[in-house]
Amino acid sequence: MRFQTMQSIVILSILMPVIMCCGSSKTAHDNQEPIKQRSIVAQISKVEPPSDALTIEKVELNGNILSVHVSYGGGCASHDFTCMGSKAISKSIPPQRSIRLIHSANGDQCKKFCKEELLIDIKALAFKQVAGNETILNLDGWKEPIRYIYQ
């Protein structure tokens, strides 16, 4: 009987950390670091370099700054982002320009769920850099066009 009691205690002491870990009501998202912010300047380019995977979660426009919330896998290396606008502009009214976020994971193979807010100066993407001039920006990976009025 004593042997069974000791055996039960040993088994419980081994299983307790596993039960505590798995039984937690917190999700992986609850243990995240605060969302990082990064400022970048959009560029016009005819060459679109390849991009590592990312998901665009949210887009907001405030004056000449486009706020783009992105998520991606990583966590072991520094990631780089650029915003490229096509040189080609449609002849529609208002004119339209395709834009794309380029994500470089720098070989990061980690799987942590990372989030960042990119604050993008988009003045260079305007059809004309004149106050009140309107350009529609079509962001690759985002479903809705962005109505940008240069300020």
Protein backbone atom coordinates (compact mmCIF):
# COMPACT_ATOMS: atom_id res chain seq x y z
CA MET A 1 0.00 0.00 0.00
CA ARG A 2 2.84 2.35 0.84
CA PHE A 3 4.49 1.60 -2.50
CA GLN A 4 1.29 2.55 -4.36
CA THR A 5 1.06 5.84 -2.45
CA MET A 6 4.68 6.70 -3.27
CA GLN A 7 4.14 5.71 -6.88
CA SER A 8 1.04 7.98 -7.09
CA ILE A 9 2.98 10.91 -5.62
CA VAL A 10 5.81 10.47 -8.12
CA ILE A 11 3.38 10.26 -11.05
CA LEU A 12 1.48 13.35 -9.86
CA SER A 13 4.70 15.33 -9.39
CA ILE A 14 5.64 14.53 -12.99
CA LEU A 15 2.20 15.25 -14.46
CA MET A 16 1.37 18.38 -12.44
CA PRO A 17 3.49 20.82 -14.52
CA VAL A 18 2.02 19.38 -17.72
CA ILE A 19 -1.53 19.70 -16.39
CA MET A 20 -0.88 23.26 -15.18
CA CYS A 21 0.59 24.30 -18.53
CA CYS A 22 -2.06 22.76 -20.74
CA GLY A 23 -4.95 23.66 -18.47
CA SER A 24 -4.21 27.38 -18.61
CA SER A 25 -7.04 29.53 -19.92
CA LYS A 26 -4.59 31.93 -21.60
CA THR A 27 -4.13 31.71 -25.33
CA ALA A 28 -0.89 32.21 -27.21
CA HIS A 29 -2.01 35.76 -28.04
CA ASP A 30 -2.35 36.69 -24.33
CA ASN A 31 1.40 36.29 -23.77
CA GLN A 32 2.41 38.55 -26.64
CA GLU A 33 4.72 41.50 -26.39
CA PRO A 34 3.20 44.92 -27.14
CA ILE A 35 2.82 45.71 -30.85
CA LYS A 36 5.96 47.35 -32.20
CA GLN A 37 5.81 50.49 -34.32
CA ARG A 38 8.17 51.21 -37.18
CA SER A 39 8.34 54.22 -39.51
CA ILE A 40 9.21 53.78 -43.17
CA VAL A 41 9.07 55.95 -46.29
CA ALA A 42 7.28 54.69 -49.41
CA GLN A 43 9.19 54.61 -52.69
CA ILE A 44 8.28 54.49 -56.35
CA SER A 45 9.97 51.59 -58.11
CA LYS A 46 9.61 49.58 -61.29
CA VAL A 47 11.27 46.55 -59.67
CA GLU A 48 9.33 44.62 -57.04
CA PRO A 49 11.64 42.43 -55.00
CA PRO A 50 10.28 39.16 -53.59
CA SER A 51 8.53 39.29 -50.23
CA ASP A 52 8.31 36.89 -47.33
CA ALA A 53 4.82 36.07 -46.02
CA LEU A 54 2.84 38.60 -44.00
CA THR A 55 -0.80 39.29 -43.26
CA ILE A 56 -2.29 42.78 -43.37
CA GLU A 57 -4.62 43.03 -40.39
CA LYS A 58 -5.73 46.68 -40.49
CA VAL A 59 -5.14 49.83 -42.56
CA GLU A 60 -5.78 53.44 -41.51
CA LEU A 61 -4.91 56.70 -43.24
CA ASN A 62 -4.04 59.83 -41.26
CA GLY A 63 -2.92 62.67 -43.50
CA ASN A 64 0.21 61.56 -45.37
CA ILE A 65 0.83 58.62 -43.02
CA LEU A 66 -0.59 55.19 -43.79
CA SER A 67 -0.78 52.96 -40.70
CA VAL A 68 -0.64 49.28 -41.63
CA HIS A 69 -0.94 46.59 -38.94
CA VAL A 70 0.83 43.41 -40.07
CA SER A 71 1.45 39.98 -38.61
CA TYR A 72 4.01 37.36 -39.56
CA GLY A 73 5.91 34.37 -38.24
CA GLY A 74 9.39 34.89 -36.81
CA GLY A 75 10.87 36.08 -33.57
CA CYS A 76 14.53 35.06 -33.88
CA ALA A 77 15.86 37.73 -36.28
CA SER A 78 15.23 41.33 -37.22
CA HIS A 79 12.67 41.77 -40.03
CA ASP A 80 12.72 44.58 -42.60
CA PHE A 81 9.82 46.22 -44.42
CA THR A 82 9.58 48.54 -47.41
CA CYS A 83 6.61 50.00 -49.25
CA MET A 84 6.91 50.14 -53.03
CA GLY A 85 4.58 51.99 -55.39
CA SER A 86 4.30 51.19 -59.06
CA LYS A 87 5.56 53.78 -61.53
CA ALA A 88 2.46 53.08 -63.64
CA ILE A 89 -0.65 55.10 -62.82
CA SER A 90 -4.09 54.38 -64.28
CA LYS A 91 -5.76 57.07 -66.37
CA SER A 92 -8.91 56.90 -64.26
CA ILE A 93 -10.35 59.80 -62.30
CA PRO A 94 -8.97 59.91 -59.67
CA PRO A 95 -5.75 58.23 -60.80
CA GLN A 96 -4.86 54.89 -59.21
CA ARG A 97 -1.52 53.40 -58.19
CA SER A 98 -0.73 49.84 -57.09
CA ILE A 99 1.41 49.56 -53.95
CA ARG A 100 2.98 46.62 -52.16
CA LEU A 101 4.58 45.91 -48.80
CA ILE A 102 7.84 44.00 -49.09
CA HIS A 103 8.74 41.91 -46.04
CA SER A 104 12.23 40.50 -45.55
CA ALA A 105 12.42 37.94 -42.74
CA ASN A 106 16.22 37.78 -43.14
CA GLY A 107 16.14 33.98 -43.02
CA ASP A 108 14.19 33.84 -39.72
CA GLN A 109 12.71 30.33 -39.44
CA CYS A 110 11.10 30.80 -35.99
CA LYS A 111 7.33 30.45 -35.63
CA LYS A 112 6.45 33.08 -33.01
CA PHE A 113 3.35 35.13 -33.94
CA CYS A 114 4.66 38.68 -34.39
CA LYS A 115 2.71 41.90 -34.93
CA GLU A 116 3.87 45.35 -35.97
CA GLU A 117 2.34 48.65 -36.91
CA LEU A 118 4.06 50.18 -39.92
CA LEU A 119 3.76 53.97 -40.15
CA ILE A 120 4.38 54.69 -43.81
CA ASP A 121 5.05 58.18 -45.17
CA ILE A 122 3.21 57.92 -48.50
CA LYS A 123 3.83 61.40 -49.95
CA ALA A 124 5.91 59.91 -52.78
CA LEU A 125 2.89 57.82 -53.86
CA ALA A 126 0.68 60.82 -54.69
CA PHE A 127 -0.09 61.39 -58.37
CA LYS A 128 0.78 65.06 -57.81
CA GLN A 129 2.31 66.40 -54.62
CA VAL A 130 -0.17 69.25 -54.39
CA ALA A 131 -2.49 69.81 -51.42
CA GLY A 132 -5.92 68.32 -52.13
CA ASN A 133 -4.74 66.08 -54.99
CA GLU A 134 -6.44 62.67 -54.79
CA THR A 135 -4.89 59.30 -55.64
CA ILE A 136 -6.43 55.87 -55.09
CA LEU A 137 -3.89 53.40 -53.67
CA ASN A 138 -4.46 49.69 -54.21
CA LEU A 139 -2.48 47.84 -51.54
CA ASP A 140 -1.63 44.26 -52.49
CA GLY A 141 -3.14 41.96 -49.84
CA TRP A 142 -5.81 44.49 -48.74
CA LYS A 143 -9.34 44.20 -50.09
CA GLU A 144 -10.34 47.87 -50.24
CA PRO A 145 -8.82 50.77 -52.18
CA ILE A 146 -7.30 53.53 -50.07
CA ARG A 147 -8.50 57.07 -50.94
CA TYR A 148 -5.43 59.26 -50.38
CA ILE A 149 -5.68 63.05 -50.49
CA TYR A 150 -2.26 64.69 -50.40
CA GLN A 151 -1.82 67.16 -47.52
